[in-house]
Amino acid sequence: MIGFADSIGAGVFRPLGRNGGKRRCENRGGSRMAVAPSTDAEFVEAFGKMVRGEWIGHEFSFDGETGELEPLADGYIPEEFLNWGVTPSGFESNNSHILRGDKLYRKHTRIIPTVDHFSDHTDVEEDTFIHDINSAGFTLFDCGSYAFAPEKVIERKSLLDKVPKIEVCLRDSVSNPGFRVVGVMRFDFSTGRFFKSQQLFHEKFDMDWSNGQFIEVGTGFRAEWGKTETTKEAHVSGLWRGENGSERETNLDDDITQALLLPGGLFLLSDKADDGGMQLELGWLVDETARITMITRYSAEGDLLGSTRNVERRV
């Protein structure tokens, strides 16, 4: 069953022929506030229109314990960059999104850093992720936001146990609907903390869906966004009111098991309750007085309770 929730608040690539591999490219130079939908089909159609497209931006990874920006692996960095003292901190990337029937496809193209972006070809990596919107773990919103979480998580008792992850997309419905954030968060249910790398994309709408066939590429890396000012505790803490009138207070000192304060107004919060339940939150401060959040909750038994998106304003 689909989880419905109200939303508050150029290069030409050569086809590769298979997913999850490398290819080369040939270089050439507001959402509405949701009201109860008249039909489920109309709600899904609205979501499909808003999520569809080519979303260009940059990809960064942050340490799940400290929140520090993780450097790119040496294998991605050209030797010339090392000689010049250039240290890329993130990738140029493209997420190609489309809803077909009950399947949401996200084709991720990562552009590998290059010395000469005027060359005939640029190396890229591709992966395709497919989500069933009818699964109990999928929650969609008519603004184009969504959350996909495992329906059941367990406490990790060995290194062989699978690490659960949640994929969240937050589209800006406050100031600029052409921008969005996509996060892939890994966590440990036994400790209530984030685990290893946390992957974040900051993107803007570029064009209608083309399956990643037309992507403008540059150097293949980004440095500025991942090294911008880190979100401060004062930016997140305090009393916030949702568009439905409800209020909640964020107190990072007393109420949160873990807080990762990231650049670009982003923050990740995890909280392990006394009863064993857990909640994870991706938040995005779109300006000084407004934030968009997605909270995913689990019971003490590890059963998914649901995901909730909200637009909140500082009181």
C-alpha atoms as a PDB file:
ATOM      1  CA  MET A   1       0.000   0.000   0.000  1.00  0.00           C
ATOM      2  CA  ILE A   2       1.322   3.440  -0.870  1.00  0.00           C
ATOM      3  CA  GLY A   3       2.159   5.657   2.064  1.00  0.00           C
ATOM      4  CA  PHE A   4       0.473   8.981   1.362  1.00  0.00           C
ATOM      5  CA  ALA A   5       1.222  12.103   3.345  1.00  0.00           C
ATOM      6  CA  ASP A   6       0.348  15.717   2.860  1.00  0.00           C
ATOM      7  CA  SER A   7       3.098  18.103   1.848  1.00  0.00           C
ATOM      8  CA  ILE A   8       2.996  20.852   4.372  1.00  0.00           C
ATOM      9  CA  GLY A   9       4.059  23.801   3.920  1.00  0.00           C
ATOM     10  CA  ALA A  10      25.951  20.100 -22.795  1.00  0.00           C
ATOM     11  CA  GLY A  11      27.328  16.584 -23.293  1.00  0.00           C
ATOM     12  CA  VAL A  12      25.805  13.706 -25.185  1.00  0.00           C
ATOM     13  CA  PHE A  13      26.397  10.369 -23.480  1.00  0.00           C
ATOM     14  CA  ARG A  14      26.906   7.164 -25.359  1.00  0.00           C
ATOM     15  CA  PRO A  15      24.589   4.420 -24.111  1.00  0.00           C
ATOM     16  CA  LEU A  16      26.327   1.817 -21.981  1.00  0.00           C
ATOM     17  CA  GLY A  17      23.818  -0.996 -22.188  1.00  0.00           C
ATOM     18  CA  ARG A  18      24.018  -2.085 -18.544  1.00  0.00           C
ATOM     19  CA  ASN A  19      23.631  -0.586 -15.083  1.00  0.00           C
ATOM     20  CA  GLY A  20      26.149  -0.024 -12.368  1.00  0.00           C
ATOM     21  CA  GLY A  21      29.230   0.410 -14.529  1.00  0.00           C
ATOM     22  CA  LYS A  22      31.387   3.030 -16.138  1.00  0.00           C
ATOM     23  CA  ARG A  23      30.883   4.759 -19.450  1.00  0.00           C
ATOM     24  CA  ARG A  24      32.320   7.674 -21.326  1.00  0.00           C
ATOM     25  CA  CYS A  25      30.572  10.750 -22.577  1.00  0.00           C
ATOM     26  CA  GLU A  26      31.196  12.812 -25.657  1.00  0.00           C
ATOM     27  CA  ASN A  27      31.547  16.474 -24.636  1.00  0.00           C
ATOM     28  CA  ARG A  28      29.954  19.354 -26.588  1.00  0.00           C
ATOM     29  CA  GLY A  29      31.458  22.563 -25.349  1.00  0.00           C
ATOM     30  CA  GLY A  30       6.607  25.679  -6.177  1.00  0.00           C
ATOM     31  CA  SER A  31       4.849  23.078  -5.170  1.00  0.00           C
ATOM     32  CA  ARG A  32       1.318  23.479  -3.828  1.00  0.00           C
ATOM     33  CA  MET A  33       0.268  22.635  -0.322  1.00  0.00           C
ATOM     34  CA  ALA A  34      -1.384  19.252  -0.499  1.00  0.00           C
ATOM     35  CA  VAL A  35      -5.069  18.926   0.190  1.00  0.00           C
ATOM     36  CA  ALA A  36      -6.724  15.541   0.559  1.00  0.00           C
ATOM     37  CA  PRO A  37      -6.426  14.130  -2.950  1.00  0.00           C
ATOM     38  CA  SER A  38      -9.636  13.326  -4.783  1.00  0.00           C
ATOM     39  CA  THR A  39      -8.116  10.028  -5.883  1.00  0.00           C
ATOM     40  CA  ASP A  40      -4.922   8.189  -5.133  1.00  0.00           C
ATOM     41  CA  ALA A  41      -4.168   8.237  -8.862  1.00  0.00           C
ATOM     42  CA  GLU A  42      -4.215  12.038  -8.955  1.00  0.00           C
ATOM     43  CA  PHE A  43      -1.884  12.220  -5.966  1.00  0.00           C
ATOM     44  CA  VAL A  44       0.582   9.804  -7.564  1.00  0.00           C
ATOM     45  CA  GLU A  45       0.378  11.702 -10.857  1.00  0.00           C
ATOM     46  CA  ALA A  46       1.209  14.972  -9.087  1.00  0.00           C
ATOM     47  CA  PHE A  47       4.198  13.338  -7.412  1.00  0.00           C
ATOM     48  CA  GLY A  48       5.390  11.878 -10.712  1.00  0.00           C
ATOM     49  CA  LYS A  49       5.318  15.272 -12.423  1.00  0.00           C
ATOM     50  CA  MET A  50       7.269  16.977  -9.652  1.00  0.00           C
ATOM     51  CA  VAL A  51       9.978  14.340  -9.225  1.00  0.00           C
ATOM     52  CA  ARG A  52      10.511  13.783 -12.951  1.00  0.00           C
ATOM     53  CA  GLY A  53      13.509  15.308 -14.663  1.00  0.00           C
ATOM     54  CA  GLU A  54      17.254  15.685 -14.837  1.00  0.00           C
ATOM     55  CA  TRP A  55      18.598  17.028 -11.557  1.00  0.00           C
ATOM     56  CA  ILE A  56      22.154  18.329 -11.692  1.00  0.00           C
ATOM     57  CA  GLY A  57      24.310  19.240  -8.750  1.00  0.00           C
ATOM     58  CA  HIS A  58      26.987  17.849  -6.539  1.00  0.00           C
ATOM     59  CA  GLU A  59      27.483  14.843  -4.307  1.00  0.00           C
ATOM     60  CA  PHE A  60      29.303  14.789  -0.976  1.00  0.00           C
ATOM     61  CA  SER A  61      29.870  12.187   1.722  1.00  0.00           C
ATOM     62  CA  PHE A  62      30.144  12.921   5.428  1.00  0.00           C
ATOM     63  CA  ASP A  63      31.500  10.802   8.252  1.00  0.00           C
ATOM     64  CA  GLY A  64      28.618   9.234  10.172  1.00  0.00           C
ATOM     65  CA  GLU A  65      30.295   9.775  13.530  1.00  0.00           C
ATOM     66  CA  THR A  66      31.806  13.251  13.243  1.00  0.00           C
ATOM     67  CA  GLY A  67      29.928  14.819  10.333  1.00  0.00           C
ATOM     68  CA  GLU A  68      33.236  15.796   8.760  1.00  0.00           C
ATOM     69  CA  LEU A  69      33.491  15.993   4.990  1.00  0.00           C
ATOM     70  CA  GLU A  70      35.100  12.852   3.592  1.00  0.00           C
ATOM     71  CA  PRO A  71      37.768  13.303   0.897  1.00  0.00           C
ATOM     72  CA  LEU A  72      37.450  11.569  -2.427  1.00  0.00           C
ATOM     73  CA  ALA A  73      39.282   8.271  -2.727  1.00  0.00           C
ATOM     74  CA  ASP A  74      42.727   8.627  -4.284  1.00  0.00           C
ATOM     75  CA  GLY A  75      41.650   6.572  -7.279  1.00  0.00           C
ATOM     76  CA  TYR A  76      39.272   9.360  -8.324  1.00  0.00           C
ATOM     77  CA  ILE A  77      41.874  12.142  -8.195  1.00  0.00           C
ATOM     78  CA  PRO A  78      44.133  12.767 -11.225  1.00  0.00           C
ATOM     79  CA  GLU A  79      47.829  12.871 -10.416  1.00  0.00           C
ATOM     80  CA  GLU A  80      47.999  16.410 -11.795  1.00  0.00           C
ATOM     81  CA  PHE A  81      45.527  17.548  -9.132  1.00  0.00           C
ATOM     82  CA  LEU A  82      47.780  16.184  -6.414  1.00  0.00           C
ATOM     83  CA  ASN A  83      50.773  17.970  -7.913  1.00  0.00           C
ATOM     84  CA  TRP A  84      48.823  21.236  -8.069  1.00  0.00           C
ATOM     85  CA  GLY A  85      47.517  20.885  -4.530  1.00  0.00           C
ATOM     86  CA  VAL A  86      43.907  20.590  -5.755  1.00  0.00           C
ATOM     87  CA  THR A  87      41.811  18.509  -3.357  1.00  0.00           C
ATOM     88  CA  PRO A  88      38.329  17.766  -4.714  1.00  0.00           C
ATOM     89  CA  SER A  89      35.758  17.328  -1.975  1.00  0.00           C
ATOM     90  CA  GLY A  90      32.778  16.210  -4.017  1.00  0.00           C
ATOM     91  CA  PHE A  91      31.596  15.012  -7.399  1.00  0.00           C
ATOM     92  CA  GLU A  92      29.575  16.692 -10.083  1.00  0.00           C
ATOM     93  CA  SER A  93      26.558  14.452 -10.441  1.00  0.00           C
ATOM     94  CA  ASN A  94      23.215  13.993 -12.128  1.00  0.00           C
ATOM     95  CA  ASN A  95      20.131  12.157 -10.885  1.00  0.00           C
ATOM     96  CA  SER A  96      17.711  11.212 -13.635  1.00  0.00           C
ATOM     97  CA  HIS A  97      14.292  10.597 -12.062  1.00  0.00           C
ATOM     98  CA  ILE A  98      11.129   9.166 -13.578  1.00  0.00           C
ATOM     99  CA  LEU A  99       8.015   7.378 -12.300  1.00  0.00           C
ATOM    100  CA  ARG A 100       6.827   4.552 -14.547  1.00  0.00           C
ATOM    101  CA  GLY A 101       3.748   2.780 -13.298  1.00  0.00           C
ATOM    102  CA  ASP A 102       4.464   1.850  -9.694  1.00  0.00           C
ATOM    103  CA  LYS A 103       8.259   2.009 -10.053  1.00  0.00           C
ATOM    104  CA  LEU A 104      10.395   5.068  -9.318  1.00  0.00           C
ATOM    105  CA  TYR A 105      13.692   5.020 -11.210  1.00  0.00           C
ATOM    106  CA  ARG A 106      16.711   7.054 -10.107  1.00  0.00           C
ATOM    107  CA  LYS A 107      19.668   6.850 -12.459  1.00  0.00           C
ATOM    108  CA  HIS A 108      22.705   8.359 -10.771  1.00  0.00           C
ATOM    109  CA  THR A 109      25.585   9.560 -12.943  1.00  0.00           C
ATOM    110  CA  ARG A 110      28.796  10.499 -11.146  1.00  0.00           C
ATOM    111  CA  ILE A 111      31.276  12.504 -13.211  1.00  0.00           C
ATOM    112  CA  ILE A 112      34.858  11.479 -12.537  1.00  0.00           C
ATOM    113  CA  PRO A 113      37.262  14.409 -11.958  1.00  0.00           C
ATOM    114  CA  THR A 114      39.340  15.246 -14.997  1.00  0.00           C
ATOM    115  CA  VAL A 115      42.205  17.566 -15.822  1.00  0.00           C
ATOM    116  CA  ASP A 116      40.948  18.573 -19.248  1.00  0.00           C
ATOM    117  CA  HIS A 117      37.188  18.990 -19.474  1.00  0.00           C
ATOM    118  CA  PHE A 118      37.561  20.129 -23.082  1.00  0.00           C
ATOM    119  CA  SER A 119      38.637  16.640 -24.143  1.00  0.00           C
ATOM    120  CA  ASP A 120      36.485  14.423 -26.341  1.00  0.00           C
ATOM    121  CA  HIS A 121      35.463  12.095 -23.540  1.00  0.00           C
ATOM    122  CA  THR A 122      34.769  12.194 -19.829  1.00  0.00           C
ATOM    123  CA  ASP A 123      34.631   9.177 -17.542  1.00  0.00           C
ATOM    124  CA  VAL A 124      31.499   8.656 -15.495  1.00  0.00           C
ATOM    125  CA  GLU A 125      30.056   6.031 -13.170  1.00  0.00           C
ATOM    126  CA  GLU A 126      26.416   4.988 -13.274  1.00  0.00           C
ATOM    127  CA  ASP A 127      24.013   3.243 -10.940  1.00  0.00           C
ATOM    128  CA  THR A 128      20.272   2.782 -11.245  1.00  0.00           C
ATOM    129  CA  PHE A 129      18.041   2.495  -8.176  1.00  0.00           C
ATOM    130  CA  ILE A 130      14.432   1.288  -8.414  1.00  0.00           C
ATOM    131  CA  HIS A 131      11.809   1.759  -5.698  1.00  0.00           C
ATOM    132  CA  ASP A 132       8.326   0.234  -5.624  1.00  0.00           C
ATOM    133  CA  ILE A 133       5.984   3.020  -4.534  1.00  0.00           C
ATOM    134  CA  ASN A 134       3.472   0.386  -3.379  1.00  0.00           C
ATOM    135  CA  SER A 135       5.870  -0.979  -0.773  1.00  0.00           C
ATOM    136  CA  ALA A 136       5.152  -0.212   2.865  1.00  0.00           C
ATOM    137  CA  GLY A 137       8.504   1.534   3.152  1.00  0.00           C
ATOM    138  CA  PHE A 138       7.777   4.159   0.494  1.00  0.00           C
ATOM    139  CA  THR A 139       6.075   7.461   1.333  1.00  0.00           C
ATOM    140  CA  LEU A 140       5.458  10.050  -1.375  1.00  0.00           C
ATOM    141  CA  PHE A 141       4.409  13.685  -1.375  1.00  0.00           C
ATOM    142  CA  ASP A 142       2.801  15.672  -4.166  1.00  0.00           C
ATOM    143  CA  CYS A 143       5.587  18.281  -4.053  1.00  0.00           C
ATOM    144  CA  GLY A 144       8.044  15.679  -5.382  1.00  0.00           C
ATOM    145  CA  SER A 145       9.546  14.733  -2.023  1.00  0.00           C
ATOM    146  CA  TYR A 146       9.675  11.120  -0.866  1.00  0.00           C
ATOM    147  CA  ALA A 147      11.159   8.731   1.682  1.00  0.00           C
ATOM    148  CA  PHE A 148      12.112   5.094   1.199  1.00  0.00           C
ATOM    149  CA  ALA A 149      12.997   3.129   4.328  1.00  0.00           C
ATOM    150  CA  PRO A 150      13.342  -0.561   5.205  1.00  0.00           C
ATOM    151  CA  GLU A 151      10.147  -2.012   6.629  1.00  0.00           C
ATOM    152  CA  LYS A 152      12.065  -3.907   9.315  1.00  0.00           C
ATOM    153  CA  VAL A 153      15.454  -3.295  10.922  1.00  0.00           C
ATOM    154  CA  ILE A 154      17.349  -5.400  13.444  1.00  0.00           C
ATOM    155  CA  GLU A 155      20.126  -4.789  15.913  1.00  0.00           C
ATOM    156  CA  ARG A 156      23.504  -5.543  14.368  1.00  0.00           C
ATOM    157  CA  LYS A 157      25.172  -8.374  16.259  1.00  0.00           C
ATOM    158  CA  SER A 158      28.054  -8.996  13.858  1.00  0.00           C
ATOM    159  CA  LEU A 159      29.906  -7.331  11.008  1.00  0.00           C
ATOM    160  CA  LEU A 160      27.971  -9.555   8.607  1.00  0.00           C
ATOM    161  CA  ASP A 161      24.616  -8.037   9.529  1.00  0.00           C
ATOM    162  CA  LYS A 162      23.238  -5.718   6.871  1.00  0.00           C
ATOM    163  CA  VAL A 163      23.478  -1.990   7.545  1.00  0.00           C
ATOM    164  CA  PRO A 164      20.057  -0.382   6.930  1.00  0.00           C
ATOM    165  CA  LYS A 165      19.767   2.829   4.963  1.00  0.00           C
ATOM    166  CA  ILE A 166      17.069   5.371   4.210  1.00  0.00           C
ATOM    167  CA  GLU A 167      16.752   7.396   1.011  1.00  0.00           C
ATOM    168  CA  VAL A 168      15.077  10.785   1.396  1.00  0.00           C
ATOM    169  CA  CYS A 169      14.310  13.472  -1.170  1.00  0.00           C
ATOM    170  CA  LEU A 170      13.326  16.953   0.044  1.00  0.00           C
ATOM    171  CA  ARG A 171      12.148  19.393  -2.604  1.00  0.00           C
ATOM    172  CA  ASP A 172      12.136  23.062  -1.648  1.00  0.00           C
ATOM    173  CA  SER A 173       8.486  24.111  -1.454  1.00  0.00           C
ATOM    174  CA  VAL A 174       9.261  27.312   0.471  1.00  0.00           C
ATOM    175  CA  SER A 175      11.647  29.543  -1.455  1.00  0.00           C
ATOM    176  CA  ASN A 176      12.717  27.852  -4.704  1.00  0.00           C
ATOM    177  CA  PRO A 177      10.996  24.685  -6.010  1.00  0.00           C
ATOM    178  CA  GLY A 178      13.766  24.269  -8.566  1.00  0.00           C
ATOM    179  CA  PHE A 179      16.109  22.987  -5.844  1.00  0.00           C
ATOM    180  CA  ARG A 180      16.117  19.836  -3.764  1.00  0.00           C
ATOM    181  CA  VAL A 181      18.273  17.693  -1.479  1.00  0.00           C
ATOM    182  CA  VAL A 182      18.626  13.912  -1.692  1.00  0.00           C
ATOM    183  CA  GLY A 183      20.144  12.027   1.224  1.00  0.00           C
ATOM    184  CA  VAL A 184      21.120   8.387   1.694  1.00  0.00           C
ATOM    185  CA  MET A 185      21.547   7.778   5.421  1.00  0.00           C
ATOM    186  CA  ARG A 186      23.022   4.622   6.943  1.00  0.00           C
ATOM    187  CA  PHE A 187      22.357   3.870  10.599  1.00  0.00           C
ATOM    188  CA  ASP A 188      22.813   1.324  13.377  1.00  0.00           C
ATOM    189  CA  PHE A 189      19.531   0.490  15.083  1.00  0.00           C
ATOM    190  CA  SER A 190      21.277  -1.036  18.105  1.00  0.00           C
ATOM    191  CA  THR A 191      23.065   2.210  18.997  1.00  0.00           C
ATOM    192  CA  GLY A 192      20.632   4.701  17.499  1.00  0.00           C
ATOM    193  CA  ARG A 193      23.462   6.413  15.645  1.00  0.00           C
ATOM    194  CA  PHE A 194      24.418   7.051  12.051  1.00  0.00           C
ATOM    195  CA  PHE A 195      26.847   4.546  10.570  1.00  0.00           C
ATOM    196  CA  LYS A 196      29.771   5.153   8.240  1.00  0.00           C
ATOM    197  CA  SER A 197      29.307   7.456   5.230  1.00  0.00           C
ATOM    198  CA  GLN A 198      26.243   9.666   4.833  1.00  0.00           C
ATOM    199  CA  GLN A 199      25.668  10.607   1.179  1.00  0.00           C
ATOM    200  CA  LEU A 200      24.087  13.967   0.316  1.00  0.00           C
ATOM    201  CA  PHE A 201      23.173  15.545  -3.023  1.00  0.00           C
ATOM    202  CA  HIS A 202      22.336  19.227  -3.485  1.00  0.00           C
ATOM    203  CA  GLU A 203      20.605  19.620  -6.850  1.00  0.00           C
ATOM    204  CA  LYS A 204      18.643  21.894  -9.127  1.00  0.00           C
ATOM    205  CA  PHE A 205      16.226  21.027 -11.906  1.00  0.00           C
ATOM    206  CA  ASP A 206      17.945  21.145 -15.284  1.00  0.00           C
ATOM    207  CA  MET A 207      15.580  19.731 -17.900  1.00  0.00           C
ATOM    208  CA  ASP A 208      12.873  17.185 -18.546  1.00  0.00           C
ATOM    209  CA  TRP A 209      13.775  13.531 -18.121  1.00  0.00           C
ATOM    210  CA  SER A 210      16.222  12.251 -20.748  1.00  0.00           C
ATOM    211  CA  ASN A 211      17.637   9.183 -18.969  1.00  0.00           C
ATOM    212  CA  GLY A 212      20.888  11.038 -18.442  1.00  0.00           C
ATOM    213  CA  GLN A 213      21.621  11.401 -22.141  1.00  0.00           C
ATOM    214  CA  PHE A 214      22.294  15.153 -22.063  1.00  0.00           C
ATOM    215  CA  ILE A 215      24.507  16.289 -19.232  1.00  0.00           C
ATOM    216  CA  GLU A 216      26.727  19.342 -19.220  1.00  0.00           C
ATOM    217  CA  VAL A 217      30.041  18.447 -17.637  1.00  0.00           C
ATOM    218  CA  GLY A 218      32.834  20.564 -16.256  1.00  0.00           C
ATOM    219  CA  THR A 219      35.822  19.482 -14.221  1.00  0.00           C
ATOM    220  CA  GLY A 220      33.894  16.620 -12.638  1.00  0.00           C
ATOM    221  CA  PHE A 221      34.304  17.822  -9.071  1.00  0.00           C
ATOM    222  CA  ARG A 222      32.941  20.427  -6.703  1.00  0.00           C
ATOM    223  CA  ALA A 223      34.693  22.074  -3.799  1.00  0.00           C
ATOM    224  CA  GLU A 224      32.597  25.042  -2.788  1.00  0.00           C
ATOM    225  CA  TRP A 225      29.357  23.641  -1.360  1.00  0.00           C
ATOM    226  CA  GLY A 226      30.883  20.963   0.823  1.00  0.00           C
ATOM    227  CA  LYS A 227      33.253  23.504   2.335  1.00  0.00           C
ATOM    228  CA  THR A 228      30.725  26.258   2.975  1.00  0.00           C
ATOM    229  CA  GLU A 229      29.839  27.294   6.512  1.00  0.00           C
ATOM    230  CA  THR A 230      28.705  24.420   8.664  1.00  0.00           C
ATOM    231  CA  THR A 231      25.213  24.659  10.131  1.00  0.00           C
ATOM    232  CA  LYS A 232      25.371  25.912  13.725  1.00  0.00           C
ATOM    233  CA  GLU A 233      23.531  24.493  16.711  1.00  0.00           C
ATOM    234  CA  ALA A 234      21.739  27.821  17.140  1.00  0.00           C
ATOM    235  CA  HIS A 235      20.386  27.510  13.595  1.00  0.00           C
ATOM    236  CA  VAL A 236      18.671  24.215  14.449  1.00  0.00           C
ATOM    237  CA  SER A 237      17.726  24.578  18.115  1.00  0.00           C
ATOM    238  CA  GLY A 238      14.644  26.318  19.424  1.00  0.00           C
ATOM    239  CA  LEU A 239      10.892  26.211  19.027  1.00  0.00           C
ATOM    240  CA  TRP A 240       9.457  25.502  15.561  1.00  0.00           C
ATOM    241  CA  ARG A 241       5.871  25.569  14.336  1.00  0.00           C
ATOM    242  CA  GLY A 242       4.641  23.381  11.490  1.00  0.00           C
ATOM    243  CA  GLU A 243       2.145  24.568   8.913  1.00  0.00           C
ATOM    244  CA  ASN A 244      -0.477  22.405  10.593  1.00  0.00           C
ATOM    245  CA  GLY A 245      -0.060  24.505  13.754  1.00  0.00           C
ATOM    246  CA  SER A 246       1.807  21.920  15.814  1.00  0.00           C
ATOM    247  CA  GLU A 247       4.943  23.004  17.668  1.00  0.00           C
ATOM    248  CA  ARG A 248       8.068  21.142  18.695  1.00  0.00           C
ATOM    249  CA  GLU A 249      11.325  22.141  20.295  1.00  0.00           C
ATOM    250  CA  THR A 250      14.709  20.953  19.069  1.00  0.00           C
ATOM    251  CA  ASN A 251      17.281  20.708  21.834  1.00  0.00           C
ATOM    252  CA  LEU A 252      20.550  19.181  20.691  1.00  0.00           C
ATOM    253  CA  ASP A 253      21.986  19.095  24.212  1.00  0.00           C
ATOM    254  CA  ASP A 254      19.338  16.997  25.929  1.00  0.00           C
ATOM    255  CA  ASP A 255      16.984  15.353  23.479  1.00  0.00           C
ATOM    256  CA  ILE A 256      19.091  14.000  20.631  1.00  0.00           C
ATOM    257  CA  THR A 257      21.245  10.870  20.604  1.00  0.00           C
ATOM    258  CA  GLN A 258      23.325  12.240  17.747  1.00  0.00           C
ATOM    259  CA  ALA A 259      23.398  15.402  15.654  1.00  0.00           C
ATOM    260  CA  LEU A 260      25.449  15.886  12.495  1.00  0.00           C
ATOM    261  CA  LEU A 261      25.576  19.553  11.493  1.00  0.00           C
ATOM    262  CA  LEU A 262      26.521  19.806   7.829  1.00  0.00           C
ATOM    263  CA  PRO A 263      27.148  22.578   5.269  1.00  0.00           C
ATOM    264  CA  GLY A 264      24.392  24.167   3.211  1.00  0.00           C
ATOM    265  CA  GLY A 265      21.888  24.393   6.052  1.00  0.00           C
ATOM    266  CA  LEU A 266      21.621  20.599   6.303  1.00  0.00           C
ATOM    267  CA  PHE A 267      21.504  18.553   9.473  1.00  0.00           C
ATOM    268  CA  LEU A 268      20.984  14.915  10.434  1.00  0.00           C
ATOM    269  CA  LEU A 269      19.469  13.957  13.787  1.00  0.00           C
ATOM    270  CA  SER A 270      19.036  10.510  15.314  1.00  0.00           C
ATOM    271  CA  ASP A 271      17.351   9.672  18.588  1.00  0.00           C
ATOM    272  CA  LYS A 272      17.110   6.341  20.397  1.00  0.00           C
ATOM    273  CA  ALA A 273      14.212   6.479  22.837  1.00  0.00           C
ATOM    274  CA  ASP A 274      14.163   4.877  26.282  1.00  0.00           C
ATOM    275  CA  ASP A 275      11.643   2.307  25.040  1.00  0.00           C
ATOM    276  CA  GLY A 276      14.013   1.211  22.239  1.00  0.00           C
ATOM    277  CA  GLY A 277      12.312   3.027  19.393  1.00  0.00           C
ATOM    278  CA  MET A 278      14.281   5.251  17.061  1.00  0.00           C
ATOM    279  CA  GLN A 279      13.760   8.195  14.776  1.00  0.00           C
ATOM    280  CA  LEU A 280      15.993   9.709  12.114  1.00  0.00           C
ATOM    281  CA  GLU A 281      15.629  13.183  10.676  1.00  0.00           C
ATOM    282  CA  LEU A 282      17.008  14.950   7.624  1.00  0.00           C
ATOM    283  CA  GLY A 283      16.540  18.694   7.911  1.00  0.00           C
ATOM    284  CA  TRP A 284      17.206  21.530   5.494  1.00  0.00           C
ATOM    285  CA  LEU A 285      17.253  25.182   6.547  1.00  0.00           C
ATOM    286  CA  VAL A 286      16.102  26.920   3.384  1.00  0.00           C
ATOM    287  CA  ASP A 287      16.399  30.335   5.036  1.00  0.00           C
ATOM    288  CA  GLU A 288      16.956  31.785   8.513  1.00  0.00           C
ATOM    289  CA  THR A 289      13.393  31.207   9.645  1.00  0.00           C
ATOM    290  CA  ALA A 290      12.184  28.134   7.732  1.00  0.00           C
ATOM    291  CA  ARG A 291      13.228  24.523   7.449  1.00  0.00           C
ATOM    292  CA  ILE A 292      11.995  21.400   5.695  1.00  0.00           C
ATOM    293  CA  THR A 293      12.283  18.109   7.550  1.00  0.00           C
ATOM    294  CA  MET A 294      11.691  14.415   6.957  1.00  0.00           C
ATOM    295  CA  ILE A 295      11.401  12.223  10.044  1.00  0.00           C
ATOM    296  CA  THR A 296      11.365   8.419   9.843  1.00  0.00           C
ATOM    297  CA  ARG A 297      10.343   6.446  12.933  1.00  0.00           C
ATOM    298  CA  TYR A 298      10.866   2.844  14.041  1.00  0.00           C
ATOM    299  CA  SER A 299       9.302   0.943  16.930  1.00  0.00           C
ATOM    300  CA  ALA A 300      11.329  -0.780  19.630  1.00  0.00           C
ATOM    301  CA  GLU A 301      10.907  -4.008  17.658  1.00  0.00           C
ATOM    302  CA  GLY A 302      12.419  -2.392  14.560  1.00  0.00           C
ATOM    303  CA  ASP A 303       9.162  -2.055  12.625  1.00  0.00           C
ATOM    304  CA  LEU A 304       8.782   0.995  10.397  1.00  0.00           C
ATOM    305  CA  LEU A 305       6.152   3.364  11.765  1.00  0.00           C
ATOM    306  CA  GLY A 306       6.290   5.820   8.871  1.00  0.00           C
ATOM    307  CA  SER A 307       7.924   8.928   7.448  1.00  0.00           C
ATOM    308  CA  THR A 308       6.613  12.471   7.857  1.00  0.00           C
ATOM    309  CA  ARG A 309       7.567  15.586   5.910  1.00  0.00           C
ATOM    310  CA  ASN A 310       6.956  19.003   7.371  1.00  0.00           C
ATOM    311  CA  VAL A 311       7.675  22.657   6.737  1.00  0.00           C
ATOM    312  CA  GLU A 312       8.445  24.425   9.999  1.00  0.00           C
ATOM    313  CA  ARG A 313       9.013  28.074  10.856  1.00  0.00           C
ATOM    314  CA  ARG A 314      10.895  29.446  13.809  1.00  0.00           C
ATOM    315  CA  VAL A 315       8.626  30.729  16.575  1.00  0.00           C
END
